Amino acid sequence: MKTILVTGGTGFIGSHVCINLIESNFRIIVADSNVNSSTVSLKRVKKIVDQKNYSEKEIIFKRGDIRDEMFLKNLFTQSAEKGHPIKGVIHLAGLKSVEESSRKPLLYWDNNLGGTLILLKVMKSFNCKTIVFSSSATIYGNSKINPIKESFEINPINPYGQIKATIEAILDSIF
């Protein structure tokens, strides 16, 4: 059973990802600061999983900020020491308000981009080369065409979208 780190795993999307990972026979470590989410979602995940007879699976929750390099290093180290090295990361962590990102851009750049850079640095030091990043349609700006296609020009118009686009560019350059 492979171990996957889910950053932001107590959020709405993260909790649903956790269910799918468990159903696909993965061990999960959820790292979340709970700034804009709650561990209540993991209790619901465990209840759903138990009802589906997946109760032998593990969900390990660690509260912390992905900008804290030692926190992340400890997650990777402890998992490896237990014989379950983290093989991949599903990166969902981050502040999530487009409107707030325009009022507090430095907070968003620090949290969302800064946290991602530290996560990538720690992943590299543990030879973890698999990441799934949750981007956003905001990277395409105000598209007049729906549905938006990934082939559209990237043209973000707010800090939230700019940060997501920047992270995508970084991931393209290192993976």
C-alpha atoms as a PDB file:
ATOM      1  CA  MET A   1       0.000   0.000   0.000  1.00  0.00           C
ATOM      2  CA  LYS A   2       1.541   3.320  -1.099  1.00  0.00           C
ATOM      3  CA  THR A   3       1.443   6.392   1.093  1.00  0.00           C
ATOM      4  CA  ILE A   4       0.168   9.691  -0.309  1.00  0.00           C
ATOM      5  CA  LEU A   5       0.408  13.098   1.376  1.00  0.00           C
ATOM      6  CA  VAL A   6      -2.694  15.225   0.844  1.00  0.00           C
ATOM      7  CA  THR A   7      -2.031  18.875   1.661  1.00  0.00           C
ATOM      8  CA  GLY A   8      -5.242  20.716   2.415  1.00  0.00           C
ATOM      9  CA  GLY A   9      -6.940  17.383   2.907  1.00  0.00           C
ATOM     10  CA  THR A  10      -9.573  18.595   5.362  1.00  0.00           C
ATOM     11  CA  GLY A  11     -11.148  20.937   2.817  1.00  0.00           C
ATOM     12  CA  PHE A  12     -14.144  20.095   0.638  1.00  0.00           C
ATOM     13  CA  ILE A  13     -12.139  18.828  -2.336  1.00  0.00           C
ATOM     14  CA  GLY A  14      -9.484  17.266  -0.104  1.00  0.00           C
ATOM     15  CA  SER A  15     -11.948  15.188   1.862  1.00  0.00           C
ATOM     16  CA  HIS A  16     -13.430  13.780  -1.348  1.00  0.00           C
ATOM     17  CA  VAL A  17      -9.933  13.039  -2.662  1.00  0.00           C
ATOM     18  CA  CYS A  18      -9.218  11.148   0.566  1.00  0.00           C
ATOM     19  CA  ILE A  19     -12.239   8.912   0.050  1.00  0.00           C
ATOM     20  CA  ASN A  20     -11.133   8.097  -3.495  1.00  0.00           C
ATOM     21  CA  LEU A  21      -7.566   7.391  -2.372  1.00  0.00           C
ATOM     22  CA  ILE A  22      -8.710   5.034   0.369  1.00  0.00           C
ATOM     23  CA  GLU A  23     -11.018   3.246  -2.043  1.00  0.00           C
ATOM     24  CA  SER A  24      -8.005   2.890  -4.354  1.00  0.00           C
ATOM     25  CA  ASN A  25      -5.953   1.259  -1.579  1.00  0.00           C
ATOM     26  CA  PHE A  26      -3.668   4.143  -0.567  1.00  0.00           C
ATOM     27  CA  ARG A  27      -2.500   5.068   2.920  1.00  0.00           C
ATOM     28  CA  ILE A  28      -3.106   8.773   3.476  1.00  0.00           C
ATOM     29  CA  ILE A  29      -1.368  11.444   5.465  1.00  0.00           C
ATOM     30  CA  VAL A  30      -3.402  14.651   5.594  1.00  0.00           C
ATOM     31  CA  ALA A  31      -1.512  17.851   6.347  1.00  0.00           C
ATOM     32  CA  ASP A  32      -3.661  20.901   6.951  1.00  0.00           C
ATOM     33  CA  SER A  33      -3.445  24.083   8.992  1.00  0.00           C
ATOM     34  CA  ASN A  34      -7.252  24.205   9.223  1.00  0.00           C
ATOM     35  CA  VAL A  35      -7.171  27.938   8.526  1.00  0.00           C
ATOM     36  CA  ASN A  36     -10.163  27.569   6.200  1.00  0.00           C
ATOM     37  CA  SER A  37     -11.291  24.002   6.929  1.00  0.00           C
ATOM     38  CA  SER A  38     -11.951  21.610   9.788  1.00  0.00           C
ATOM     39  CA  THR A  39     -11.046  18.105  10.896  1.00  0.00           C
ATOM     40  CA  VAL A  40     -14.791  17.408  11.016  1.00  0.00           C
ATOM     41  CA  SER A  41     -14.497  16.513   7.328  1.00  0.00           C
ATOM     42  CA  LEU A  42     -12.047  13.706   8.161  1.00  0.00           C
ATOM     43  CA  LYS A  43     -14.481  12.307  10.709  1.00  0.00           C
ATOM     44  CA  ARG A  44     -17.038  12.201   7.912  1.00  0.00           C
ATOM     45  CA  VAL A  45     -14.498  10.543   5.608  1.00  0.00           C
ATOM     46  CA  LYS A  46     -13.809   7.854   8.211  1.00  0.00           C
ATOM     47  CA  LYS A  47     -17.553   7.303   8.674  1.00  0.00           C
ATOM     48  CA  ILE A  48     -18.070   6.882   4.911  1.00  0.00           C
ATOM     49  CA  VAL A  49     -15.050   4.619   4.623  1.00  0.00           C
ATOM     50  CA  ASP A  50     -16.167   2.484   7.571  1.00  0.00           C
ATOM     51  CA  GLN A  51     -19.593   2.042   5.978  1.00  0.00           C
ATOM     52  CA  LYS A  52     -17.899   0.763   2.832  1.00  0.00           C
ATOM     53  CA  ASN A  53     -15.771  -1.763   4.766  1.00  0.00           C
ATOM     54  CA  TYR A  54     -12.523   0.073   4.110  1.00  0.00           C
ATOM     55  CA  SER A  55     -11.879   0.465   7.841  1.00  0.00           C
ATOM     56  CA  GLU A  56      -8.459  -1.223   7.704  1.00  0.00           C
ATOM     57  CA  LYS A  57      -7.080   1.768   5.797  1.00  0.00           C
ATOM     58  CA  GLU A  58      -5.194   4.503   7.542  1.00  0.00           C
ATOM     59  CA  ILE A  59      -5.885   8.210   7.574  1.00  0.00           C
ATOM     60  CA  ILE A  60      -3.238  10.060   9.530  1.00  0.00           C
ATOM     61  CA  PHE A  61      -3.931  13.728  10.255  1.00  0.00           C
ATOM     62  CA  LYS A  62      -1.176  16.221  11.076  1.00  0.00           C
ATOM     63  CA  ARG A  63      -2.063  19.839  11.771  1.00  0.00           C
ATOM     64  CA  GLY A  64       0.540  22.187  10.419  1.00  0.00           C
ATOM     65  CA  ASP A  65       1.490  24.808   7.880  1.00  0.00           C
ATOM     66  CA  ILE A  66       3.247  23.729   4.687  1.00  0.00           C
ATOM     67  CA  ARG A  67       5.416  26.852   4.982  1.00  0.00           C
ATOM     68  CA  ASP A  68       6.996  25.136   8.005  1.00  0.00           C
ATOM     69  CA  GLU A  69       9.842  23.151   6.471  1.00  0.00           C
ATOM     70  CA  MET A  70      10.541  21.188   9.661  1.00  0.00           C
ATOM     71  CA  PHE A  71       6.870  20.182   9.882  1.00  0.00           C
ATOM     72  CA  LEU A  72       7.039  18.745   6.363  1.00  0.00           C
ATOM     73  CA  LYS A  73      10.419  17.091   6.894  1.00  0.00           C
ATOM     74  CA  ASN A  74       9.049  15.422  10.029  1.00  0.00           C
ATOM     75  CA  LEU A  75       6.043  14.092   8.088  1.00  0.00           C
ATOM     76  CA  PHE A  76       8.275  12.552   5.429  1.00  0.00           C
ATOM     77  CA  THR A  77      10.796  11.237   7.981  1.00  0.00           C
ATOM     78  CA  GLN A  78       8.227   9.697  10.330  1.00  0.00           C
ATOM     79  CA  SER A  79       6.410   8.026   7.476  1.00  0.00           C
ATOM     80  CA  ALA A  80       9.648   6.569   6.091  1.00  0.00           C
ATOM     81  CA  GLU A  81      10.718   5.381   9.553  1.00  0.00           C
ATOM     82  CA  LYS A  82       7.425   3.466   9.848  1.00  0.00           C
ATOM     83  CA  GLY A  83       8.240   1.729   6.575  1.00  0.00           C
ATOM     84  CA  HIS A  84       5.736   3.786   4.594  1.00  0.00           C
ATOM     85  CA  PRO A  85       7.662   6.447   2.651  1.00  0.00           C
ATOM     86  CA  ILE A  86       5.534   9.107   1.009  1.00  0.00           C
ATOM     87  CA  LYS A  87       5.418   8.248  -2.698  1.00  0.00           C
ATOM     88  CA  GLY A  88       3.375  11.195  -3.916  1.00  0.00           C
ATOM     89  CA  VAL A  89       1.644  14.421  -2.955  1.00  0.00           C
ATOM     90  CA  ILE A  90      -1.763  15.761  -3.853  1.00  0.00           C
ATOM     91  CA  HIS A  91      -1.356  19.467  -3.238  1.00  0.00           C
ATOM     92  CA  LEU A  92      -4.627  21.196  -2.390  1.00  0.00           C
ATOM     93  CA  ALA A  93      -3.440  23.475   0.422  1.00  0.00           C
ATOM     94  CA  GLY A  94      -3.778  27.203   0.139  1.00  0.00           C
ATOM     95  CA  LEU A  95      -5.875  30.234   0.784  1.00  0.00           C
ATOM     96  CA  LYS A  96      -8.783  30.252  -1.643  1.00  0.00           C
ATOM     97  CA  SER A  97     -10.565  33.586  -1.987  1.00  0.00           C
ATOM     98  CA  VAL A  98     -10.102  35.473  -5.241  1.00  0.00           C
ATOM     99  CA  GLU A  99     -11.542  38.628  -3.669  1.00  0.00           C
ATOM    100  CA  GLU A 100      -9.364  38.404  -0.553  1.00  0.00           C
ATOM    101  CA  SER A 101      -6.266  37.793  -2.689  1.00  0.00           C
ATOM    102  CA  SER A 102      -6.812  41.227  -4.249  1.00  0.00           C
ATOM    103  CA  ARG A 103      -7.059  42.872  -0.823  1.00  0.00           C
ATOM    104  CA  LYS A 104      -4.171  40.891   0.741  1.00  0.00           C
ATOM    105  CA  PRO A 105      -1.866  39.885  -2.120  1.00  0.00           C
ATOM    106  CA  LEU A 106       1.273  39.468   0.000  1.00  0.00           C
ATOM    107  CA  LEU A 107      -0.540  37.073   2.321  1.00  0.00           C
ATOM    108  CA  TYR A 108      -1.579  34.956  -0.675  1.00  0.00           C
ATOM    109  CA  TRP A 109       1.844  35.009  -2.357  1.00  0.00           C
ATOM    110  CA  ASP A 110       3.502  34.012   0.921  1.00  0.00           C
ATOM    111  CA  ASN A 111       1.005  31.311   1.826  1.00  0.00           C
ATOM    112  CA  ASN A 112       0.211  29.757  -1.534  1.00  0.00           C
ATOM    113  CA  LEU A 113       3.442  30.206  -3.480  1.00  0.00           C
ATOM    114  CA  GLY A 114       5.779  30.169  -0.466  1.00  0.00           C
ATOM    115  CA  GLY A 115       4.166  27.021   0.904  1.00  0.00           C
ATOM    116  CA  THR A 116       4.392  25.292  -2.464  1.00  0.00           C
ATOM    117  CA  LEU A 117       8.084  26.143  -2.844  1.00  0.00           C
ATOM    118  CA  ILE A 118       8.870  24.695   0.586  1.00  0.00           C
ATOM    119  CA  LEU A 119       6.792  21.597  -0.184  1.00  0.00           C
ATOM    120  CA  LEU A 120       8.697  21.063  -3.446  1.00  0.00           C
ATOM    121  CA  LYS A 121      12.032  21.522  -1.685  1.00  0.00           C
ATOM    122  CA  VAL A 122      11.147  18.890   0.929  1.00  0.00           C
ATOM    123  CA  MET A 123       9.794  16.524  -1.712  1.00  0.00           C
ATOM    124  CA  LYS A 124      13.101  16.806  -3.582  1.00  0.00           C
ATOM    125  CA  SER A 125      15.120  16.052  -0.452  1.00  0.00           C
ATOM    126  CA  PHE A 126      13.076  12.850   0.023  1.00  0.00           C
ATOM    127  CA  ASN A 127      13.228  11.912  -3.671  1.00  0.00           C
ATOM    128  CA  CYS A 128       9.445  12.217  -3.978  1.00  0.00           C
ATOM    129  CA  LYS A 129       8.812  13.107  -7.617  1.00  0.00           C
ATOM    130  CA  THR A 130       5.052  12.711  -7.945  1.00  0.00           C
ATOM    131  CA  ILE A 131       2.732  15.655  -7.382  1.00  0.00           C
ATOM    132  CA  VAL A 132      -0.813  16.469  -8.383  1.00  0.00           C
ATOM    133  CA  PHE A 133      -1.461  20.200  -8.092  1.00  0.00           C
ATOM    134  CA  SER A 134      -4.920  21.708  -7.861  1.00  0.00           C
ATOM    135  CA  SER A 135      -4.898  24.749 -10.088  1.00  0.00           C
ATOM    136  CA  SER A 136      -7.835  26.989 -10.978  1.00  0.00           C
ATOM    137  CA  ALA A 137      -9.771  28.292 -13.972  1.00  0.00           C
ATOM    138  CA  THR A 138      -8.814  31.772 -12.718  1.00  0.00           C
ATOM    139  CA  ILE A 139      -5.496  31.356 -14.556  1.00  0.00           C
ATOM    140  CA  TYR A 140      -7.415  32.014 -17.806  1.00  0.00           C
ATOM    141  CA  GLY A 141      -8.761  35.416 -16.737  1.00  0.00           C
ATOM    142  CA  ASN A 142     -12.159  36.555 -17.972  1.00  0.00           C
ATOM    143  CA  SER A 143     -12.753  34.115 -20.779  1.00  0.00           C
ATOM    144  CA  LYS A 144     -15.871  34.859 -22.823  1.00  0.00           C
ATOM    145  CA  ILE A 145     -16.006  31.251 -24.017  1.00  0.00           C
ATOM    146  CA  ASN A 146     -17.449  28.432 -21.943  1.00  0.00           C
ATOM    147  CA  PRO A 147     -16.460  25.823 -21.184  1.00  0.00           C
ATOM    148  CA  ILE A 148     -12.883  26.938 -20.642  1.00  0.00           C
ATOM    149  CA  LYS A 149     -10.304  24.652 -22.246  1.00  0.00           C
ATOM    150  CA  GLU A 150      -6.782  24.001 -21.022  1.00  0.00           C
ATOM    151  CA  SER A 151      -5.503  25.135 -24.421  1.00  0.00           C
ATOM    152  CA  PHE A 152      -6.749  28.688 -23.764  1.00  0.00           C
ATOM    153  CA  GLU A 153      -4.207  31.440 -23.148  1.00  0.00           C
ATOM    154  CA  ILE A 154      -3.121  31.807 -19.536  1.00  0.00           C
ATOM    155  CA  ASN A 155      -3.956  35.390 -18.566  1.00  0.00           C
ATOM    156  CA  PRO A 156      -4.777  35.739 -14.859  1.00  0.00           C
ATOM    157  CA  ILE A 157      -6.267  39.039 -13.698  1.00  0.00           C
ATOM    158  CA  ASN A 158      -5.971  38.726  -9.917  1.00  0.00           C
ATOM    159  CA  PRO A 159      -3.321  37.585  -7.426  1.00  0.00           C
ATOM    160  CA  TYR A 160      -5.033  34.238  -6.816  1.00  0.00           C
ATOM    161  CA  GLY A 161      -4.896  33.353 -10.501  1.00  0.00           C
ATOM    162  CA  GLN A 162      -1.389  34.781 -10.902  1.00  0.00           C
ATOM    163  CA  ILE A 163      -0.131  32.570  -8.085  1.00  0.00           C
ATOM    164  CA  LYS A 164      -1.774  29.443  -9.518  1.00  0.00           C
ATOM    165  CA  ALA A 165      -0.273  30.223 -12.946  1.00  0.00           C
ATOM    166  CA  THR A 166       3.156  30.807 -11.383  1.00  0.00           C
ATOM    167  CA  ILE A 167       3.017  27.457  -9.574  1.00  0.00           C
ATOM    168  CA  GLU A 168       2.053  25.734 -12.823  1.00  0.00           C
ATOM    169  CA  ALA A 169       5.066  27.350 -14.535  1.00  0.00           C
ATOM    170  CA  ILE A 170       7.375  26.220 -11.719  1.00  0.00           C
ATOM    171  CA  LEU A 171       6.055  22.661 -11.906  1.00  0.00           C
ATOM    172  CA  ASP A 172       6.530  22.667 -15.693  1.00  0.00           C
ATOM    173  CA  SER A 173      10.145  23.712 -15.230  1.00  0.00           C
ATOM    174  CA  ILE A 174      11.105  21.091 -12.612  1.00  0.00           C
ATOM    175  CA  PHE A 175       9.115  17.992 -13.557  1.00  0.00           C
END
